[in-house]
Amino acid sequence: MFFELKINMAVTLRLMRFGKKKQPSYRIVALDKRSKRDGAYIEKIGLYDPLLKSDNVTINNERFSYWKSRGATMSDGLTRLVKSTKNVIFE
């Protein structure tokens, strides 16, 4: 018997905080859904610096589209960030 398995990918695209106190920066990473916010990640695909006035979101378009095509979901925070920010740069 042959059958197709449709597997939901357990990967999510999420913001990962780093930086000093009162000076946050965020990495946009692909990681396992079950891991912690600042846990080990699979791949870094972008950066977000909320302290910059312009060009504060940079995303690698090739890797972003790769993970989206594989079924990765975006976190709520990242979805709001991409929709609300006009200065998203896809490299």
PDB file of N, CA and C in Angstrom:
ATOM      1  N   MET A   1       0.822  -1.183   0.000  1.00  0.00           N
ATOM      2  CA  MET A   1       0.000   0.000   0.000  1.00  0.00           C
ATOM      3  C   MET A   1       0.871   1.254   0.000  1.00  0.00           C
ATOM      4  N   PHE A   2       0.553   2.145  -0.906  1.00  0.00           N
ATOM      5  CA  PHE A   2       1.259   3.414  -0.953  1.00  0.00           C
ATOM      6  C   PHE A   2       0.301   4.518  -0.523  1.00  0.00           C
ATOM      7  N   PHE A   3       0.783   5.381   0.305  1.00  0.00           N
ATOM      8  CA  PHE A   3      -0.018   6.519   0.742  1.00  0.00           C
ATOM      9  C   PHE A   3       0.900   7.685   1.033  1.00  0.00           C
ATOM     10  N   GLU A   4       0.336   8.851   0.978  1.00  0.00           N
ATOM     11  CA  GLU A   4       1.102  10.065   1.219  1.00  0.00           C
ATOM     12  C   GLU A   4       0.889  10.537   2.639  1.00  0.00           C
ATOM     13  N   LEU A   5       1.955  10.884   3.284  1.00  0.00           N
ATOM     14  CA  LEU A   5       1.859  11.472   4.610  1.00  0.00           C
ATOM     15  C   LEU A   5       1.987  12.979   4.487  1.00  0.00           C
ATOM     16  N   LYS A   6       1.059  13.682   5.053  1.00  0.00           N
ATOM     17  CA  LYS A   6       1.155  15.142   5.083  1.00  0.00           C
ATOM     18  C   LYS A   6       1.605  15.512   6.487  1.00  0.00           C
ATOM     19  N   ILE A   7       2.831  15.966   6.586  1.00  0.00           N
ATOM     20  CA  ILE A   7       3.427  16.268   7.893  1.00  0.00           C
ATOM     21  C   ILE A   7       3.452  17.771   8.094  1.00  0.00           C
ATOM     22  N   ASN A   8       2.930  18.222   9.217  1.00  0.00           N
ATOM     23  CA  ASN A   8       3.034  19.631   9.569  1.00  0.00           C
ATOM     24  C   ASN A   8       4.426  19.889  10.115  1.00  0.00           C
ATOM     25  N   MET A   9       5.061  20.886   9.577  1.00  0.00           N
ATOM     26  CA  MET A   9       6.412  21.196   9.997  1.00  0.00           C
ATOM     27  C   MET A   9       6.382  21.838  11.379  1.00  0.00           C
ATOM     28  N   ALA A  10       7.279  21.432  12.232  1.00  0.00           N
ATOM     29  CA  ALA A  10       7.337  21.966  13.590  1.00  0.00           C
ATOM     30  C   ALA A  10       8.328  23.110  13.682  1.00  0.00           C
ATOM     31  N   VAL A  11       8.405  23.912  12.618  1.00  0.00           N
ATOM     32  CA  VAL A  11       9.326  25.048  12.600  1.00  0.00           C
ATOM     33  C   VAL A  11       8.519  26.326  12.547  1.00  0.00           C
ATOM     34  N   THR A  12       8.965  27.313  13.295  1.00  0.00           N
ATOM     35  CA  THR A  12       8.331  28.618  13.277  1.00  0.00           C
ATOM     36  C   THR A  12       9.388  29.697  13.086  1.00  0.00           C
ATOM     37  N   LEU A  13       8.990  30.782  12.462  1.00  0.00           N
ATOM     38  CA  LEU A  13       9.858  31.948  12.306  1.00  0.00           C
ATOM     39  C   LEU A  13       9.499  32.916  13.417  1.00  0.00           C
ATOM     40  N   ARG A  14      10.477  33.326  14.186  1.00  0.00           N
ATOM     41  CA  ARG A  14      10.221  34.038  15.435  1.00  0.00           C
ATOM     42  C   ARG A  14      11.312  35.061  15.712  1.00  0.00           C
ATOM     43  N   LEU A  15      11.005  36.022  16.579  1.00  0.00           N
ATOM     44  CA  LEU A  15      11.997  37.001  17.032  1.00  0.00           C
ATOM     45  C   LEU A  15      12.737  36.453  18.244  1.00  0.00           C
ATOM     46  N   MET A  16      14.054  36.619  18.252  1.00  0.00           N
ATOM     47  CA  MET A  16      14.889  36.168  19.364  1.00  0.00           C
ATOM     48  C   MET A  16      15.632  37.378  19.905  1.00  0.00           C
ATOM     49  N   ARG A  17      15.401  37.716  21.171  1.00  0.00           N
ATOM     50  CA  ARG A  17      15.974  38.936  21.744  1.00  0.00           C
ATOM     51  C   ARG A  17      17.421  38.732  22.155  1.00  0.00           C
ATOM     52  N   PHE A  18      18.234  39.742  21.860  1.00  0.00           N
ATOM     53  CA  PHE A  18      19.590  39.823  22.388  1.00  0.00           C
ATOM     54  C   PHE A  18      19.966  41.280  22.498  1.00  0.00           C
ATOM     55  N   GLY A  19      21.094  41.561  23.090  1.00  0.00           N
ATOM     56  CA  GLY A  19      21.507  42.946  23.306  1.00  0.00           C
ATOM     57  C   GLY A  19      21.572  43.254  24.787  1.00  0.00           C
ATOM     58  N   LYS A  20      21.994  44.477  25.083  1.00  0.00           N
ATOM     59  CA  LYS A  20      22.126  44.872  26.483  1.00  0.00           C
ATOM     60  C   LYS A  20      20.783  45.292  27.071  1.00  0.00           C
ATOM     61  N   LYS A  21      20.802  45.510  28.363  1.00  0.00           N
ATOM     62  CA  LYS A  21      19.622  46.003  29.061  1.00  0.00           C
ATOM     63  C   LYS A  21      19.240  47.370  28.501  1.00  0.00           C
ATOM     64  N   LYS A  22      17.956  47.553  28.229  1.00  0.00           N
ATOM     65  CA  LYS A  22      17.403  48.794  27.670  1.00  0.00           C
ATOM     66  C   LYS A  22      17.873  49.095  26.244  1.00  0.00           C
ATOM     67  N   GLN A  23      18.599  48.156  25.612  1.00  0.00           N
ATOM     68  CA  GLN A  23      19.045  48.323  24.231  1.00  0.00           C
ATOM     69  C   GLN A  23      18.794  47.022  23.463  1.00  0.00           C
ATOM     70  N   PRO A  24      17.524  46.708  23.215  1.00  0.00           N
ATOM     71  CA  PRO A  24      17.223  45.413  22.594  1.00  0.00           C
ATOM     72  C   PRO A  24      17.532  45.387  21.097  1.00  0.00           C
ATOM     73  N   SER A  25      17.890  44.230  20.632  1.00  0.00           N
ATOM     74  CA  SER A  25      17.996  43.906  19.216  1.00  0.00           C
ATOM     75  C   SER A  25      17.394  42.525  19.075  1.00  0.00           C
ATOM     76  N   TYR A  26      16.912  42.217  17.907  1.00  0.00           N
ATOM     77  CA  TYR A  26      16.266  40.932  17.702  1.00  0.00           C
ATOM     78  C   TYR A  26      16.813  40.265  16.462  1.00  0.00           C
ATOM     79  N   ARG A  27      17.007  38.961  16.543  1.00  0.00           N
ATOM     80  CA  ARG A  27      17.313  38.152  15.383  1.00  0.00           C
ATOM     81  C   ARG A  27      16.012  37.516  14.924  1.00  0.00           C
ATOM     82  N   ILE A  28      15.819  37.431  13.635  1.00  0.00           N
ATOM     83  CA  ILE A  28      14.686  36.701  13.086  1.00  0.00           C
ATOM     84  C   ILE A  28      15.222  35.324  12.755  1.00  0.00           C
ATOM     85  N   VAL A  29      14.713  34.305  13.439  1.00  0.00           N
ATOM     86  CA  VAL A  29      15.274  32.963  13.345  1.00  0.00           C
ATOM     87  C   VAL A  29      14.203  31.932  13.012  1.00  0.00           C
ATOM     88  N   ALA A  30      14.660  30.816  12.457  1.00  0.00           N
ATOM     89  CA  ALA A  30      13.822  29.634  12.263  1.00  0.00           C
ATOM     90  C   ALA A  30      14.191  28.667  13.379  1.00  0.00           C
ATOM     91  N   LEU A  31      13.197  28.229  14.145  1.00  0.00           N
ATOM     92  CA  LEU A  31      13.461  27.300  15.232  1.00  0.00           C
ATOM     93  C   LEU A  31      12.278  26.379  15.459  1.00  0.00           C
ATOM     94  N   ASP A  32      12.518  25.359  16.265  1.00  0.00           N
ATOM     95  CA  ASP A  32      11.477  24.394  16.594  1.00  0.00           C
ATOM     96  C   ASP A  32      10.411  25.086  17.433  1.00  0.00           C
ATOM     97  N   LYS A  33       9.145  24.810  17.155  1.00  0.00           N
ATOM     98  CA  LYS A  33       8.044  25.451  17.870  1.00  0.00           C
ATOM     99  C   LYS A  33       8.110  25.237  19.372  1.00  0.00           C
ATOM    100  N   ARG A  34       8.619  24.090  19.766  1.00  0.00           N
ATOM    101  CA  ARG A  34       8.584  23.727  21.192  1.00  0.00           C
ATOM    102  C   ARG A  34       9.736  24.314  21.993  1.00  0.00           C
ATOM    103  N   SER A  35      10.701  24.961  21.329  1.00  0.00           N
ATOM    104  CA  SER A  35      11.839  25.505  22.062  1.00  0.00           C
ATOM    105  C   SER A  35      11.514  26.878  22.640  1.00  0.00           C
ATOM    106  N   LYS A  36      12.343  27.304  23.576  1.00  0.00           N
ATOM    107  CA  LYS A  36      12.140  28.592  24.242  1.00  0.00           C
ATOM    108  C   LYS A  36      12.475  29.748  23.303  1.00  0.00           C
ATOM    109  N   ARG A  37      12.060  30.948  23.694  1.00  0.00           N
ATOM    110  CA  ARG A  37      12.291  32.136  22.867  1.00  0.00           C
ATOM    111  C   ARG A  37      13.772  32.334  22.583  1.00  0.00           C
ATOM    112  N   ASP A  38      14.616  32.175  23.574  1.00  0.00           N
ATOM    113  CA  ASP A  38      16.050  32.399  23.407  1.00  0.00           C
ATOM    114  C   ASP A  38      16.839  31.093  23.367  1.00  0.00           C
ATOM    115  N   GLY A  39      16.183  29.996  22.993  1.00  0.00           N
ATOM    116  CA  GLY A  39      16.853  28.702  22.911  1.00  0.00           C
ATOM    117  C   GLY A  39      17.653  28.558  21.623  1.00  0.00           C
ATOM    118  N   ALA A  40      18.125  27.342  21.389  1.00  0.00           N
ATOM    119  CA  ALA A  40      18.906  27.071  20.183  1.00  0.00           C
ATOM    120  C   ALA A  40      18.017  27.193  18.948  1.00  0.00           C
ATOM    121  N   TYR A  41      18.574  27.762  17.886  1.00  0.00           N
ATOM    122  CA  TYR A  41      17.797  27.945  16.669  1.00  0.00           C
ATOM    123  C   TYR A  41      18.444  27.202  15.512  1.00  0.00           C
ATOM    124  N   ILE A  42      17.655  26.976  14.470  1.00  0.00           N
ATOM    125  CA  ILE A  42      18.129  26.251  13.299  1.00  0.00           C
ATOM    126  C   ILE A  42      18.933  27.182  12.388  1.00  0.00           C
ATOM    127  N   GLU A  43      18.371  28.359  12.117  1.00  0.00           N
ATOM    128  CA  GLU A  43      19.024  29.279  11.191  1.00  0.00           C
ATOM    129  C   GLU A  43      18.583  30.715  11.451  1.00  0.00           C
ATOM    130  N   LYS A  44      19.530  31.636  11.332  1.00  0.00           N
ATOM    131  CA  LYS A  44      19.219  33.064  11.439  1.00  0.00           C
ATOM    132  C   LYS A  44      18.903  33.582  10.046  1.00  0.00           C
ATOM    133  N   ILE A  45      17.735  34.233   9.901  1.00  0.00           N
ATOM    134  CA  ILE A  45      17.364  34.716   8.575  1.00  0.00           C
ATOM    135  C   ILE A  45      17.235  36.231   8.497  1.00  0.00           C
ATOM    136  N   GLY A  46      17.377  36.927   9.630  1.00  0.00           N
ATOM    137  CA  GLY A  46      17.274  38.379   9.561  1.00  0.00           C
ATOM    138  C   GLY A  46      17.561  39.060  10.882  1.00  0.00           C
ATOM    139  N   LEU A  47      17.469  40.383  10.871  1.00  0.00           N
ATOM    140  CA  LEU A  47      17.705  41.209  12.055  1.00  0.00           C
ATOM    141  C   LEU A  47      16.625  42.276  12.170  1.00  0.00           C
ATOM    142  N   TYR A  48      16.331  42.672  13.411  1.00  0.00           N
ATOM    143  CA  TYR A  48      15.416  43.777  13.684  1.00  0.00           C
ATOM    144  C   TYR A  48      16.012  44.599  14.806  1.00  0.00           C
ATOM    145  N   ASP A  49      16.223  45.891  14.545  1.00  0.00           N
ATOM    146  CA  ASP A  49      16.759  46.798  15.556  1.00  0.00           C
ATOM    147  C   ASP A  49      15.738  47.913  15.792  1.00  0.00           C
ATOM    148  N   PRO A  50      14.970  47.837  16.885  1.00  0.00           N
ATOM    149  CA  PRO A  50      13.919  48.829  17.116  1.00  0.00           C
ATOM    150  C   PRO A  50      14.442  50.221  17.454  1.00  0.00           C
ATOM    151  N   LEU A  51      15.712  50.358  17.769  1.00  0.00           N
ATOM    152  CA  LEU A  51      16.254  51.660  18.138  1.00  0.00           C
ATOM    153  C   LEU A  51      16.634  52.513  16.922  1.00  0.00           C
ATOM    154  N   LEU A  52      16.770  51.896  15.767  1.00  0.00           N
ATOM    155  CA  LEU A  52      17.076  52.659  14.552  1.00  0.00           C
ATOM    156  C   LEU A  52      15.808  53.308  14.022  1.00  0.00           C
ATOM    157  N   LYS A  53      15.948  54.484  13.445  1.00  0.00           N
ATOM    158  CA  LYS A  53      14.789  55.205  12.913  1.00  0.00           C
ATOM    159  C   LYS A  53      14.343  54.658  11.561  1.00  0.00           C
ATOM    160  N   SER A  54      15.299  54.263  10.713  1.00  0.00           N
ATOM    161  CA  SER A  54      14.927  53.756   9.392  1.00  0.00           C
ATOM    162  C   SER A  54      15.697  52.472   9.094  1.00  0.00           C
ATOM    163  N   ASP A  55      15.160  51.696   8.170  1.00  0.00           N
ATOM    164  CA  ASP A  55      15.775  50.438   7.747  1.00  0.00           C
ATOM    165  C   ASP A  55      16.095  49.535   8.941  1.00  0.00           C
ATOM    166  N   ASN A  56      15.129  49.351   9.800  1.00  0.00           N
ATOM    167  CA  ASN A  56      15.400  48.596  11.012  1.00  0.00           C
ATOM    168  C   ASN A  56      15.067  47.115  10.920  1.00  0.00           C
ATOM    169  N   VAL A  57      14.485  46.636   9.807  1.00  0.00           N
ATOM    170  CA  VAL A  57      14.191  45.220   9.629  1.00  0.00           C
ATOM    171  C   VAL A  57      14.872  44.744   8.357  1.00  0.00           C
ATOM    172  N   THR A  58      15.741  43.748   8.489  1.00  0.00           N
ATOM    173  CA  THR A  58      16.444  43.175   7.348  1.00  0.00           C
ATOM    174  C   THR A  58      16.203  41.675   7.345  1.00  0.00           C
ATOM    175  N   ILE A  59      15.718  41.147   6.210  1.00  0.00           N
ATOM    176  CA  ILE A  59      15.394  39.727   6.111  1.00  0.00           C
ATOM    177  C   ILE A  59      16.019  39.170   4.836  1.00  0.00           C
ATOM    178  N   ASN A  60      16.635  37.981   4.937  1.00  0.00           N
ATOM    179  CA  ASN A  60      17.174  37.280   3.785  1.00  0.00           C
ATOM    180  C   ASN A  60      16.004  36.635   3.043  1.00  0.00           C
ATOM    181  N   ASN A  61      15.646  37.200   1.896  1.00  0.00           N
ATOM    182  CA  ASN A  61      14.451  36.775   1.158  1.00  0.00           C
ATOM    183  C   ASN A  61      14.522  35.317   0.715  1.00  0.00           C
ATOM    184  N   GLU A  62      15.702  34.866   0.290  1.00  0.00           N
ATOM    185  CA  GLU A  62      15.849  33.484  -0.175  1.00  0.00           C
ATOM    186  C   GLU A  62      15.544  32.481   0.936  1.00  0.00           C
ATOM    187  N   ARG A  63      16.126  32.706   2.106  1.00  0.00           N
ATOM    188  CA  ARG A  63      15.914  31.772   3.222  1.00  0.00           C
ATOM    189  C   ARG A  63      14.503  31.908   3.795  1.00  0.00           C
ATOM    190  N   PHE A  64      13.960  33.127   3.798  1.00  0.00           N
ATOM    191  CA  PHE A  64      12.604  33.352   4.284  1.00  0.00           C
ATOM    192  C   PHE A  64      11.604  32.581   3.423  1.00  0.00           C
ATOM    193  N   SER A  65      11.728  32.695   2.114  1.00  0.00           N
ATOM    194  CA  SER A  65      10.809  31.991   1.225  1.00  0.00           C
ATOM    195  C   SER A  65      11.023  30.477   1.284  1.00  0.00           C
ATOM    196  N   TYR A  66      12.278  30.041   1.523  1.00  0.00           N
ATOM    197  CA  TYR A  66      12.541  28.610   1.681  1.00  0.00           C
ATOM    198  C   TYR A  66      11.766  28.042   2.866  1.00  0.00           C
ATOM    199  N   TRP A  67      11.861  28.692   4.007  1.00  0.00           N
ATOM    200  CA  TRP A  67      11.181  28.190   5.202  1.00  0.00           C
ATOM    201  C   TRP A  67       9.675  28.280   5.065  1.00  0.00           C
ATOM    202  N   LYS A  68       9.173  29.346   4.430  1.00  0.00           N
ATOM    203  CA  LYS A  68       7.729  29.463   4.201  1.00  0.00           C
ATOM    204  C   LYS A  68       7.234  28.348   3.279  1.00  0.00           C
ATOM    205  N   SER A  69       8.027  28.004   2.250  1.00  0.00           N
ATOM    206  CA  SER A  69       7.624  26.932   1.337  1.00  0.00           C
ATOM    207  C   SER A  69       7.652  25.569   2.016  1.00  0.00           C
ATOM    208  N   ARG A  70       8.459  25.417   3.035  1.00  0.00           N
ATOM    209  CA  ARG A  70       8.543  24.172   3.790  1.00  0.00           C
ATOM    210  C   ARG A  70       7.435  24.044   4.833  1.00  0.00           C
ATOM    211  N   GLY A  71       6.616  25.086   4.986  1.00  0.00           N
ATOM    212  CA  GLY A  71       5.488  25.010   5.910  1.00  0.00           C
ATOM    213  C   GLY A  71       5.731  25.662   7.257  1.00  0.00           C
ATOM    214  N   ALA A  72       6.801  26.430   7.391  1.00  0.00           N
ATOM    215  CA  ALA A  72       7.077  27.110   8.657  1.00  0.00           C
ATOM    216  C   ALA A  72       6.040  28.220   8.862  1.00  0.00           C
ATOM    217  N   THR A  73       5.614  28.388  10.098  1.00  0.00           N
ATOM    218  CA  THR A  73       4.652  29.440  10.420  1.00  0.00           C
ATOM    219  C   THR A  73       5.385  30.616  11.055  1.00  0.00           C
ATOM    220  N   MET A  74       4.814  31.799  10.901  1.00  0.00           N
ATOM    221  CA  MET A  74       5.402  32.987  11.518  1.00  0.00           C
ATOM    222  C   MET A  74       4.708  33.231  12.854  1.00  0.00           C
ATOM    223  N   SER A  75       5.469  33.689  13.833  1.00  0.00           N
ATOM    224  CA  SER A  75       4.883  34.022  15.129  1.00  0.00           C
ATOM    225  C   SER A  75       4.027  35.279  14.987  1.00  0.00           C
ATOM    226  N   ASP A  76       3.176  35.505  15.973  1.00  0.00           N
ATOM    227  CA  ASP A  76       2.303  36.678  15.939  1.00  0.00           C
ATOM    228  C   ASP A  76       3.102  37.974  15.917  1.00  0.00           C
ATOM    229  N   GLY A  77       4.150  38.028  16.723  1.00  0.00           N
ATOM    230  CA  GLY A  77       4.975  39.237  16.786  1.00  0.00           C
ATOM    231  C   GLY A  77       5.664  39.545  15.470  1.00  0.00           C
ATOM    232  N   LEU A  78       6.191  38.537  14.819  1.00  0.00           N
ATOM    233  CA  LEU A  78       6.863  38.742  13.545  1.00  0.00           C
ATOM    234  C   LEU A  78       5.865  39.124  12.457  1.00  0.00           C
ATOM    235  N   THR A  79       4.686  38.537  12.490  1.00  0.00           N
ATOM    236  CA  THR A  79       3.650  38.888  11.518  1.00  0.00           C
ATOM    237  C   THR A  79       3.254  40.350  11.648  1.00  0.00           C
ATOM    238  N   ARG A  80       3.034  40.813  12.881  1.00  0.00           N
ATOM    239  CA  ARG A  80       2.691  42.221  13.110  1.00  0.00           C
ATOM    240  C   ARG A  80       3.818  43.141  12.679  1.00  0.00           C
ATOM    241  N   LEU A  81       5.050  42.739  12.953  1.00  0.00           N
ATOM    242  CA  LEU A  81       6.212  43.553  12.609  1.00  0.00           C
ATOM    243  C   LEU A  81       6.338  43.723  11.093  1.00  0.00           C
ATOM    244  N   VAL A  82       6.207  42.654  10.354  1.00  0.00           N
ATOM    245  CA  VAL A  82       6.354  42.717   8.895  1.00  0.00           C
ATOM    246  C   VAL A  82       5.212  43.507   8.263  1.00  0.00           C
ATOM    247  N   LYS A  83       4.000  43.355   8.795  1.00  0.00           N
ATOM    248  CA  LYS A  83       2.855  44.084   8.240  1.00  0.00           C
ATOM    249  C   LYS A  83       2.910  45.576   8.553  1.00  0.00           C
ATOM    250  N   SER A  84       3.344  45.930   9.765  1.00  0.00           N
ATOM    251  CA  SER A  84       3.276  47.322  10.190  1.00  0.00           C
ATOM    252  C   SER A  84       4.501  48.157   9.779  1.00  0.00           C
ATOM    253  N   THR A  85       5.617  47.512   9.510  1.00  0.00           N
ATOM    254  CA  THR A  85       6.841  48.237   9.202  1.00  0.00           C
ATOM    255  C   THR A  85       6.964  48.438   7.700  1.00  0.00           C
ATOM    256  N   LYS A  86       7.134  49.675   7.296  1.00  0.00           N
ATOM    257  CA  LYS A  86       7.305  49.977   5.882  1.00  0.00           C
ATOM    258  C   LYS A  86       8.755  49.813   5.449  1.00  0.00           C
ATOM    259  N   ASN A  87       9.659  49.762   6.418  1.00  0.00           N
ATOM    260  CA  ASN A  87      11.080  49.718   6.104  1.00  0.00           C
ATOM    261  C   ASN A  87      11.657  48.314   6.165  1.00  0.00           C
ATOM    262  N   VAL A  88      10.913  47.315   5.719  1.00  0.00           N
ATOM    263  CA  VAL A  88      11.426  45.956   5.679  1.00  0.00           C
ATOM    264  C   VAL A  88      12.280  45.818   4.439  1.00  0.00           C
ATOM    265  N   ILE A  89      13.527  45.379   4.615  1.00  0.00           N
ATOM    266  CA  ILE A  89      14.436  45.195   3.497  1.00  0.00           C
ATOM    267  C   ILE A  89      14.618  43.699   3.291  1.00  0.00           C
ATOM    268  N   PHE A  90      14.231  43.214   2.119  1.00  0.00           N
ATOM    269  CA  PHE A  90      14.470  41.821   1.757  1.00  0.00           C
ATOM    270  C   PHE A  90      15.724  41.786   0.908  1.00  0.00           C
ATOM    271  N   GLU A  91      16.765  41.149   1.437  1.00  0.00           N
ATOM    272  CA  GLU A  91      18.057  41.063   0.715  1.00  0.00           C
ATOM    273  C   GLU A  91      18.051  39.893  -0.214  1.00  0.00           C
TER     274      GLU A  91
END
